[in-house]
Amino acid sequence: MDILAHGLWTAVIYNRTKFKLRLWAVLFGIAPDLLSFGWIFVDSIFSRGFNFGPPDINNIPAALFVTYNIWHSLFVWLFIFGIVWLILKRPWWPLAGSLLHIAIDVPLHDANFKPTPWLWPVSNYTVNGYSWAHPVFMLVNYSLLVTIYIIWFIGRWRKSQL
């Protein structure tokens, strides 16, 4: 899924969370892609405008695929979550934004564009899923997001009127 959609879905999932924690969750929800391909994302905005499709895989340096493996791994997420839990002496749930990101990416990446290595470094197993960049999926995904946000804002507006 694209970075914008990851952020929007994370905000929806965390909609009943305090605003500051929701912002942290959204940051962690987009972090796996920003830490992997962030410079490509920023470069594409300034050079071509915002592109809803995946970047050209031939223009991605090999080193970025290593960072992609790291930041899209369930085991790396569990390690970081565990360290933070030990430090804070309680789970810090905004970090689950990254887990949501990984869970969304597993079925929404096909073999043509970087299937998600969610079991790395234990296994190279990936799922040949449905491409998030397919126009039909993009239409459905953003239509759902617009619908949910409209409902969310109407609900908040109604509460403010009481």
Protein backbone atom coordinates (compact mmCIF):
# COMPACT_ATOMS: atom_id res chain seq x y z
CA MET A 1 0.00 0.00 0.00
CA ASP A 2 1.18 3.54 -0.55
CA ILE A 3 2.51 5.67 2.30
CA LEU A 4 -0.49 8.03 2.37
CA ALA A 5 -2.98 5.18 2.66
CA HIS A 6 -0.94 3.53 5.43
CA GLY A 7 -1.08 6.77 7.40
CA LEU A 8 -4.80 7.27 6.80
CA TRP A 9 -5.70 3.67 7.77
CA THR A 10 -3.56 3.89 10.91
CA ALA A 11 -5.34 7.10 11.92
CA VAL A 12 -8.69 5.34 11.42
CA ILE A 13 -7.65 2.37 13.55
CA TYR A 14 -6.38 4.72 16.29
CA ASN A 15 -9.32 7.14 16.02
CA ARG A 16 -10.34 6.71 19.67
CA THR A 17 -6.80 7.27 20.92
CA LYS A 18 -5.55 10.56 22.31
CA PHE A 19 -4.40 12.82 19.50
CA LYS A 20 -0.69 12.76 20.46
CA LEU A 21 -0.63 8.95 20.63
CA ARG A 22 -2.56 8.77 17.33
CA LEU A 23 0.11 10.94 15.69
CA TRP A 24 2.82 8.60 17.01
CA ALA A 25 0.88 5.60 15.69
CA VAL A 26 0.53 7.23 12.26
CA LEU A 27 4.25 7.99 12.23
CA PHE A 28 5.00 4.35 13.04
CA GLY A 29 2.34 3.28 10.52
CA ILE A 30 4.25 4.94 7.69
CA ALA A 31 7.74 4.33 9.12
CA PRO A 32 8.45 0.97 7.41
CA ASP A 33 8.11 2.60 3.99
CA LEU A 34 9.74 5.89 4.95
CA LEU A 35 12.73 4.07 6.44
CA SER A 36 12.96 1.85 3.38
CA PHE A 37 12.09 4.08 0.44
CA GLY A 38 11.61 7.50 2.00
CA TRP A 39 14.14 9.27 -0.15
CA ILE A 40 12.51 7.85 -3.31
CA PHE A 41 9.11 9.05 -2.04
CA VAL A 42 10.42 12.56 -1.34
CA ASP A 43 12.33 12.68 -4.63
CA SER A 44 9.24 11.61 -6.58
CA ILE A 45 7.12 14.36 -4.99
CA PHE A 46 9.61 17.05 -5.97
CA SER A 47 10.54 15.69 -9.38
CA ARG A 48 7.27 14.22 -10.73
CA GLY A 49 4.59 15.22 -8.26
CA PHE A 50 2.79 12.75 -6.04
CA ASN A 51 2.62 9.31 -7.65
CA PHE A 52 0.11 6.77 -6.35
CA GLY A 53 1.88 3.81 -7.95
CA PRO A 54 5.01 1.96 -6.90
CA PRO A 55 8.38 3.38 -7.92
CA ASP A 56 10.24 1.84 -10.85
CA ILE A 57 11.94 -1.17 -9.28
CA ASN A 58 14.92 -0.78 -11.63
CA ASN A 59 15.71 2.64 -10.13
CA ILE A 60 15.87 1.39 -6.55
CA PRO A 61 19.39 0.81 -5.17
CA ALA A 62 19.98 -2.72 -3.87
CA ALA A 63 20.78 -1.43 -0.37
CA LEU A 64 17.22 -0.16 0.00
CA PHE A 65 15.90 -3.70 -0.39
CA VAL A 66 17.89 -4.64 2.72
CA THR A 67 16.26 -1.82 4.68
CA TYR A 68 12.90 -2.91 3.27
CA ASN A 69 13.48 -6.42 4.66
CA ILE A 70 14.44 -5.04 8.06
CA TRP A 71 11.52 -2.64 8.48
CA HIS A 72 8.88 -5.02 7.10
CA SER A 73 9.83 -7.91 9.38
CA LEU A 74 7.56 -9.19 12.13
CA PHE A 75 10.63 -10.35 14.07
CA VAL A 76 12.29 -6.92 13.94
CA TRP A 77 8.99 -5.36 15.05
CA LEU A 78 8.69 -7.84 17.95
CA PHE A 79 12.27 -7.12 19.00
CA ILE A 80 11.73 -3.33 19.00
CA PHE A 81 8.33 -3.66 20.72
CA GLY A 82 9.93 -5.89 23.38
CA ILE A 83 12.81 -3.47 24.01
CA VAL A 84 10.43 -0.53 24.36
CA TRP A 85 8.24 -2.62 26.70
CA LEU A 86 11.26 -3.43 28.87
CA ILE A 87 12.31 0.23 28.99
CA LEU A 88 8.84 1.63 29.72
CA LYS A 89 7.78 -1.40 31.79
CA ARG A 90 4.54 -1.50 29.79
CA PRO A 91 3.60 -1.95 26.14
CA TRP A 92 3.54 1.22 24.09
CA TRP A 93 0.73 0.62 21.61
CA PRO A 94 1.49 3.37 19.07
CA LEU A 95 4.27 1.04 17.88
CA ALA A 96 1.53 -1.29 16.64
CA GLY A 97 1.09 1.18 13.77
CA SER A 98 4.14 -0.51 12.23
CA LEU A 99 2.64 -3.92 12.85
CA LEU A 100 -0.53 -2.78 11.08
CA HIS A 101 1.63 -1.62 8.18
CA ILE A 102 3.30 -5.03 7.90
CA ALA A 103 -0.03 -6.86 8.18
CA ILE A 104 -1.54 -4.74 5.39
CA ASP A 105 1.47 -5.13 3.12
CA VAL A 106 1.67 -8.94 3.29
CA PRO A 107 -1.48 -9.59 1.19
CA LEU A 108 -1.19 -6.37 -0.84
CA HIS A 109 2.18 -6.88 -2.51
CA ASP A 110 2.51 -9.20 -5.46
CA ALA A 111 5.63 -10.94 -6.78
CA ASN A 112 6.10 -8.17 -9.38
CA PHE A 113 6.86 -5.47 -6.81
CA LYS A 114 8.67 -6.47 -3.65
CA PRO A 115 6.54 -9.01 -1.82
CA THR A 116 6.70 -8.34 1.92
CA PRO A 117 9.43 -10.32 3.77
CA TRP A 118 7.45 -10.44 7.01
CA LEU A 119 9.39 -13.44 8.40
CA TRP A 120 12.85 -12.02 7.68
CA PRO A 121 15.57 -12.97 8.82
CA VAL A 122 14.15 -16.36 9.84
CA SER A 123 12.63 -17.08 6.43
CA ASN A 124 12.45 -15.55 2.97
CA TYR A 125 8.83 -16.71 2.63
CA THR A 126 6.53 -14.11 1.08
CA VAL A 127 2.94 -14.05 -0.12
CA ASN A 128 2.18 -13.35 -3.76
CA GLY A 129 -0.75 -11.10 -2.96
CA TYR A 130 -2.93 -8.65 -4.83
CA SER A 131 -1.10 -5.50 -5.91
CA TRP A 132 -2.11 -2.41 -3.97
CA ALA A 133 -1.17 -0.38 -7.05
CA HIS A 134 -3.88 -1.96 -9.21
CA PRO A 135 -6.29 0.84 -10.24
CA VAL A 136 -9.36 -1.08 -9.03
CA PHE A 137 -7.81 -1.60 -5.60
CA MET A 138 -6.73 2.05 -5.43
CA LEU A 139 -10.27 3.17 -6.25
CA VAL A 140 -11.83 0.88 -3.66
CA ASN A 141 -9.19 1.69 -1.02
CA TYR A 142 -9.49 5.46 -1.30
CA SER A 143 -13.28 5.30 -1.67
CA LEU A 144 -13.43 3.39 1.62
CA LEU A 145 -11.09 5.88 3.26
CA VAL A 146 -13.14 8.88 2.06
CA THR A 147 -16.35 7.20 3.27
CA ILE A 148 -14.87 6.36 6.68
CA TYR A 149 -13.45 9.86 7.15
CA ILE A 150 -16.77 11.47 6.18
CA ILE A 151 -18.58 9.27 8.72
CA TRP A 152 -15.89 10.02 11.30
CA PHE A 153 -16.13 13.80 10.81
CA ILE A 154 -19.95 13.78 10.78
CA GLY A 155 -19.88 11.84 14.06
CA ARG A 156 -17.46 14.31 15.61
CA TRP A 157 -19.52 17.25 14.34
CA ARG A 158 -22.72 15.77 15.81
CA LYS A 159 -21.01 15.26 19.19
CA SER A 160 -19.88 18.88 19.16
CA GLN A 161 -23.48 20.00 18.55
CA LEU A 162 -24.76 18.30 21.72
